[in-house]
Protein backbone atom coordinates (compact mmCIF):
# COMPACT_ATOMS: atom_id res chain seq x y z
CA MET A 1 99.74 45.76 304.61
CA SER A 2 101.14 42.34 305.39
CA LYS A 3 98.48 39.62 305.63
CA GLU A 4 100.81 37.58 307.85
CA MET A 5 100.71 40.27 310.53
CA HIS A 6 96.88 40.17 310.82
CA LEU A 7 96.59 43.94 311.19
CA ASP A 8 93.29 45.77 311.66
CA ASP A 9 91.78 46.58 308.25
CA LYS A 10 90.44 49.88 309.63
CA ALA A 11 93.79 50.98 311.05
CA LEU A 12 94.51 53.64 308.40
CA THR A 13 90.92 54.84 307.95
CA LYS A 14 88.87 57.43 309.79
CA ASP A 15 86.96 54.54 311.36
CA ALA A 16 90.04 53.18 313.13
CA THR A 17 89.53 52.19 316.76
CA ARG A 18 91.40 54.58 319.05
CA GLU A 19 92.54 53.75 322.58
CA PRO A 20 95.35 54.92 324.88
CA ILE A 21 98.33 52.55 324.70
CA ARG A 22 98.48 52.63 328.52
CA ALA A 23 95.01 50.98 328.62
CA GLY A 24 96.54 47.82 327.17
CA PHE A 25 99.10 47.81 329.97
CA GLY A 26 96.28 47.92 332.54
CA ARG A 27 94.60 44.87 331.02
CA GLY A 28 97.89 43.02 330.68
CA LEU A 29 98.86 43.70 334.29
CA VAL A 30 95.64 42.14 335.59
CA LYS A 31 96.16 39.09 333.37
CA ALA A 32 99.77 38.79 334.53
CA GLY A 33 98.56 38.91 338.13
CA GLN A 34 96.03 36.17 337.45
CA LEU A 35 98.68 33.98 335.84
CA ASN A 36 101.37 34.49 338.49
CA SER A 37 100.66 35.13 342.17
CA GLN A 38 104.16 36.64 342.56
CA VAL A 39 103.29 39.63 340.35
CA VAL A 40 102.95 42.81 342.44
CA ALA A 41 102.32 46.44 341.46
CA LEU A 42 103.79 49.60 342.96
CA CYS A 43 102.75 53.14 342.14
CA ALA A 44 103.76 56.71 343.02
CA ASP A 45 100.39 58.41 343.61
CA LEU A 46 99.18 58.01 340.00
CA THR A 47 97.22 54.75 340.25
CA ASP A 48 94.41 55.54 337.83
CA SER A 49 96.52 57.64 335.44
CA VAL A 50 98.97 54.80 334.87
CA LYS A 51 96.14 52.23 334.69
CA MET A 52 97.01 50.24 337.80
CA GLY A 53 93.55 50.74 339.30
CA ALA A 54 92.05 47.44 338.09
CA PHE A 55 95.02 45.49 339.48
CA ALA A 56 94.78 47.31 342.82
CA LYS A 57 91.07 46.45 343.04
CA GLU A 58 91.49 42.75 342.17
CA PHE A 59 94.68 42.22 344.18
CA PRO A 60 94.64 44.78 347.05
CA ASP A 61 97.18 42.79 349.07
CA ARG A 62 99.61 42.83 346.12
CA PHE A 63 99.44 46.57 345.44
CA VAL A 64 101.68 49.16 347.13
CA GLU A 65 101.16 52.93 347.00
CA VAL A 66 104.50 54.54 347.92
CA GLY A 67 103.39 58.14 347.47
CA ILE A 68 105.21 60.77 345.44
CA ALA A 69 108.63 59.15 345.88
CA GLU A 70 109.86 57.69 342.60
CA GLN A 71 113.34 56.84 343.89
CA ASN A 72 111.75 54.87 346.72
CA LEU A 73 109.32 53.30 344.24
CA VAL A 74 112.12 51.58 342.34
CA THR A 75 114.20 50.73 345.39
CA VAL A 76 111.26 49.03 347.14
CA GLY A 77 110.45 47.19 343.92
CA SER A 78 114.04 46.00 343.63
CA GLY A 79 113.98 44.69 347.19
CA MET A 80 110.71 42.84 346.55
CA SER A 81 112.19 41.24 343.42
CA LEU A 82 115.10 39.89 345.44
CA MET A 83 112.50 38.14 347.63
CA GLY A 84 111.01 36.41 344.60
CA LYS A 85 108.29 38.86 343.60
CA VAL A 86 107.76 40.19 340.06
CA PRO A 87 107.26 43.93 340.68
CA PHE A 88 105.76 46.32 338.13
CA VAL A 89 106.63 49.89 339.18
CA SER A 90 104.95 52.74 337.35
CA SER A 91 104.82 56.51 337.21
CA TYR A 92 104.98 59.18 334.53
CA ALA A 93 108.07 58.59 332.38
CA ALA A 94 109.33 62.08 333.25
CA PHE A 95 109.76 60.80 336.81
CA SER A 96 110.46 57.12 336.21
CA PRO A 97 112.99 56.72 334.61
CA GLY A 98 113.45 60.51 334.47
CA ARG A 99 113.92 61.19 338.19
CA ASN A 100 115.04 57.80 339.49
CA TRP A 101 117.49 56.69 336.80
CA GLU A 102 120.31 56.24 339.32
CA GLN A 103 118.16 53.94 341.47
CA ILE A 104 117.22 51.95 338.37
CA ARG A 105 120.90 51.67 337.42
CA THR A 106 122.13 50.66 340.87
CA THR A 107 119.34 48.68 342.49
CA VAL A 108 117.79 47.07 339.41
CA CYS A 109 120.42 46.73 336.68
CA LEU A 110 123.56 46.25 338.77
CA ASN A 111 121.79 43.61 340.87
CA GLU A 112 120.13 41.99 337.83
CA ALA A 113 116.82 42.45 339.66
CA ASN A 114 113.58 41.29 338.07
CA VAL A 115 111.80 44.68 338.06
CA LYS A 116 109.51 45.99 335.33
CA ILE A 117 109.63 49.79 334.99
CA VAL A 118 106.56 51.24 333.27
CA GLY A 119 106.88 54.82 332.02
CA SER A 120 103.46 56.23 331.24
CA HIS A 121 102.66 59.59 329.60
CA ALA A 122 105.86 59.40 327.56
CA GLY A 123 106.62 61.50 324.50
CA LEU A 124 104.83 64.41 322.87
CA MET A 125 101.42 62.73 323.23
CA THR A 126 101.37 64.09 326.79
CA GLY A 127 100.35 67.28 325.00
CA PRO A 128 99.11 70.20 327.12
CA ASP A 129 101.22 69.19 330.13
CA GLY A 130 104.16 70.73 328.29
CA ALA A 131 107.88 70.17 328.07
CA THR A 132 108.40 69.26 331.74
CA HIS A 133 106.13 66.21 331.36
CA GLN A 134 106.90 65.29 327.73
CA MET A 135 109.58 62.67 328.38
CA LEU A 136 111.60 62.47 325.15
CA GLU A 137 114.89 61.05 326.45
CA ASP A 138 113.70 57.85 328.12
CA ILE A 139 114.58 55.41 325.32
CA ALA A 140 118.17 56.66 325.29
CA LEU A 141 118.37 56.61 329.10
CA MET A 142 117.15 53.03 329.38
CA ARG A 143 118.81 51.60 326.29
CA VAL A 144 122.28 52.36 327.63
CA LEU A 145 121.75 50.35 330.84
CA PRO A 146 123.14 46.80 331.01
CA ASN A 147 120.60 44.06 331.89
CA MET A 148 117.67 46.14 330.62
CA THR A 149 115.11 45.27 327.93
CA VAL A 150 113.38 48.28 326.29
CA VAL A 151 109.90 47.95 324.77
CA VAL A 152 107.86 50.62 322.94
CA PRO A 153 104.46 49.20 321.87
CA CYS A 154 102.70 50.65 318.82
CA ASP A 155 99.15 50.37 320.22
CA SER A 156 97.09 49.19 323.18
CA ILE A 157 96.82 45.57 322.01
CA GLU A 158 100.57 45.29 321.59
CA ALA A 159 101.02 46.92 325.01
CA GLU A 160 98.89 44.19 326.58
CA LYS A 161 101.00 41.48 324.92
CA ALA A 162 104.20 43.29 325.90
CA THR A 163 103.10 43.46 329.54
CA LEU A 164 102.53 39.71 329.63
CA ALA A 165 105.83 39.10 327.83
CA ILE A 166 107.95 41.14 330.24
CA ALA A 167 106.13 39.56 333.20
CA GLY A 168 107.44 36.21 331.99
CA HIS A 169 110.91 37.57 331.19
CA LYS A 170 113.55 37.14 333.89
CA GLY A 171 115.29 40.49 334.25
CA GLY A 172 114.80 44.23 334.16
CA ALA A 173 112.52 45.71 331.51
CA TYR A 174 111.25 49.17 330.55
CA LEU A 175 107.81 49.59 328.98
CA ARG A 176 107.11 52.99 327.35
CA LEU A 177 103.45 54.10 327.10
CA ALA A 178 101.66 57.08 325.55
CA ARG A 179 98.83 58.98 327.22
CA GLU A 180 96.55 59.99 324.35
CA LYS A 181 94.18 57.75 322.41
CA THR A 182 95.94 56.44 319.27
CA PRO A 183 94.79 54.18 316.41
CA VAL A 184 94.76 50.46 317.10
CA LEU A 185 96.84 48.79 314.36
CA THR A 186 97.24 45.22 315.54
CA THR A 187 94.82 42.44 316.48
CA ALA A 188 94.85 39.50 318.86
CA ASP A 189 96.40 37.42 316.06
CA THR A 190 99.33 39.77 315.37
CA PRO A 191 102.55 38.08 316.55
CA PHE A 192 104.65 39.58 319.34
CA ALA A 193 107.92 38.47 320.93
CA LEU A 194 110.57 40.26 322.98
CA ASN A 195 113.25 39.57 320.36
CA LYS A 196 111.34 40.34 317.16
CA ALA A 197 110.52 43.22 314.85
CA GLN A 198 107.71 42.74 312.33
CA VAL A 199 107.34 43.69 308.68
CA PHE A 200 103.94 45.41 308.72
CA ARG A 201 104.11 46.42 305.06
CA PRO A 202 106.38 44.71 302.49
CA GLY A 203 108.31 46.84 300.00
CA LYS A 204 111.50 46.99 297.96
CA ASP A 205 112.56 50.63 297.53
CA VAL A 206 113.25 51.85 301.09
CA THR A 207 112.91 50.60 304.66
CA ILE A 208 111.01 52.66 307.24
CA VAL A 209 111.60 51.48 310.83
CA ALA A 210 109.26 52.90 313.47
CA CYS A 211 108.23 52.34 317.07
CA GLY A 212 105.36 53.44 319.30
CA VAL A 213 102.81 55.93 318.00
CA MET A 214 105.01 56.61 314.96
CA VAL A 215 104.22 53.21 313.43
CA HIS A 216 100.81 54.54 312.36
CA GLN A 217 102.46 57.62 310.81
CA ALA A 218 104.99 55.40 309.00
CA LEU A 219 102.25 53.19 307.52
CA ALA A 220 100.28 56.25 306.40
CA ALA A 221 103.43 57.66 304.81
CA ALA A 222 104.00 54.38 302.96
CA GLU A 223 100.45 54.58 301.59
CA ALA A 224 101.16 58.07 300.24
CA LEU A 225 104.51 57.01 298.77
CA ALA A 226 102.88 54.04 297.02
CA LYS A 227 100.74 56.48 295.05
CA LYS A 228 104.00 57.92 293.68
CA GLY A 229 105.31 54.48 292.76
CA ILE A 230 107.59 54.07 295.77
CA GLU A 231 107.20 50.79 297.66
CA ALA A 232 108.34 51.35 301.23
CA GLU A 233 108.82 48.41 303.57
CA VAL A 234 107.52 49.39 307.02
CA ILE A 235 108.92 47.60 310.07
CA ASN A 236 107.34 47.83 313.50
CA CYS A 237 110.23 47.69 315.98
CA PRO A 238 108.63 47.49 319.44
CA VAL A 239 111.74 46.10 321.13
CA ILE A 240 114.56 48.65 320.95
CA LYS A 241 116.81 46.48 323.11
CA PRO A 242 117.67 43.78 322.22
CA LEU A 243 117.38 45.00 318.63
CA ASP A 244 116.18 42.44 316.07
CA THR A 245 119.17 42.81 313.76
CA ILE A 246 118.17 39.79 311.64
CA THR A 247 114.85 41.28 310.48
CA LEU A 248 116.26 44.79 310.10
CA LEU A 249 119.35 43.75 308.15
CA ALA A 250 117.33 41.50 305.84
CA SER A 251 115.11 44.44 304.88
CA ILE A 252 117.84 47.08 304.66
CA ARG A 253 120.12 44.86 302.56
CA LYS A 254 117.19 44.51 300.16
CA THR A 255 116.22 48.18 299.95
CA GLY A 256 119.64 49.82 300.47
CA LYS A 257 118.31 52.76 302.48
CA VAL A 258 116.46 53.38 305.73
CA VAL A 259 114.40 55.99 307.57
CA THR A 260 113.74 55.67 311.32
CA CYS A 261 110.71 57.24 313.04
CA GLU A 262 110.25 57.83 316.74
CA GLU A 263 108.39 60.20 319.05
CA GLY A 264 111.43 61.03 321.14
CA GLN A 265 115.00 62.29 320.85
CA ILE A 266 116.76 60.90 317.79
CA ASN A 267 120.03 61.00 319.75
CA GLY A 268 120.29 57.66 321.50
CA GLY A 269 116.81 56.45 320.60
CA LEU A 270 115.58 54.01 317.94
CA GLY A 271 117.44 55.91 315.22
CA GLY A 272 120.62 55.77 317.25
CA ALA A 273 120.25 52.04 317.83
CA VAL A 274 119.69 51.33 314.13
CA ALA A 275 122.59 53.63 313.13
CA GLU A 276 124.95 51.87 315.52
CA MET A 277 123.93 48.47 314.17
CA LEU A 278 124.32 49.54 310.54
CA GLY A 279 127.67 51.20 311.24
CA GLU A 280 129.05 47.83 312.34
CA HIS A 281 127.27 45.52 309.90
CA HIS A 282 125.99 47.28 306.77
CA PRO A 283 126.41 51.07 306.37
CA VAL A 284 123.74 52.59 304.09
CA ALA A 285 122.10 55.96 303.45
CA MET A 286 119.91 56.85 306.42
CA ARG A 287 117.60 59.57 307.74
CA ARG A 288 116.08 59.90 311.22
CA VAL A 289 112.63 61.37 311.98
CA GLY A 290 112.14 62.42 315.60
CA MET A 291 112.82 65.21 318.07
CA ARG A 292 115.99 66.94 316.99
CA ASP A 293 117.88 67.89 320.15
CA ARG A 294 115.24 70.20 321.66
CA PHE A 295 112.43 70.10 324.21
CA GLY A 296 108.73 69.93 323.43
CA GLU A 297 106.05 72.58 323.89
CA SER A 298 102.48 72.73 325.15
CA GLY A 299 99.72 71.89 322.67
CA THR A 300 97.37 69.16 321.58
CA PRO A 301 99.07 65.93 320.55
CA ASP A 302 98.10 66.42 316.90
CA GLU A 303 99.35 70.01 316.92
CA LEU A 304 102.67 68.92 318.40
CA LEU A 305 103.22 66.08 315.94
CA GLU A 306 102.65 68.52 313.08
CA HIS A 307 104.75 71.30 314.65
CA PHE A 308 107.74 69.01 315.13
CA GLU A 309 107.31 67.42 311.68
CA LEU A 310 106.45 63.94 312.89
CA THR A 311 103.27 63.36 310.86
CA ALA A 312 102.93 61.04 307.87
CA PRO A 313 103.44 63.78 305.23
CA HIS A 314 106.75 64.72 306.85
CA VAL A 315 107.84 61.07 307.03
CA ALA A 316 106.96 60.69 303.34
CA LYS A 317 108.85 63.90 302.45
CA THR A 318 111.97 62.77 304.30
CA THR A 319 111.79 59.34 302.66
CA ASN A 320 111.33 60.86 299.22
CA GLU A 321 114.31 63.15 299.70
CA LEU A 322 116.46 60.22 300.81
CA ILE A 323 115.55 58.26 297.68
CA LYS A 324 116.27 61.22 295.39
CA ASN A 325 119.69 61.80 296.97
CA THR A 326 120.94 58.20 296.86
């Protein structure tokens, strides 16, 4: 892996530290509140689940519980932003942005309001809660909105940095978080910026672009491919919008082929964003790993990743097939 990225040496071993990505958001929110007295938090009856509990305890006069009313959650947050506050509004991603997308579009994006929407329990990692709570369409829903930044951290440390970054960013932002414990890949020294993707593993034969929990699977796939003599360049792409076209194009022009990996619908998600960019700037052979136009099922997170062919062996197989056919 890239030395410049200062990744955790244990990240791909059985001794890797594992922590829910949403835990990093909780730490980052408290730090953001300490740095800026205008930061406020609003929740829809899921305070502890979405990791707003520590903020509510330290800043009780800056925390609002709106109840199970996600449309109201965003609308109140938008109003507070117009009064100079920096609201973080959070619920399960199935409900925000799933249920209140129109309020996000009209009250946040159309008004260029400074609201941070945090979608917790996103993707298949929600596991036993089943298809109703496995939000797989959120990246596409949020990426299409004008005046919206979309961030999908790969681990809890990156989620903490992302929370601080969007707190300092003027404008709407969506932060996507997973529920289950996942391996910690990055360290305090790993760079993060709202306009950058990072080359986590250098290579020359193929580019693998991943976001969220799939970055770990992509790195593990690259390890397996290396044993077959294939050097895959793995790019962590935590910011889906705005897309870091400079880093992506530099890699893809070098390798000539690309595989995208995401734990969500491939239609409109990271794979869609990369495909649109390449279609305009540098068309190449491409494959997309992700949910293929269907809903999830109930199961453990590991069972679901395997069932829907999102694990490292499947990423490696798809990459290998792409190389053989180009």
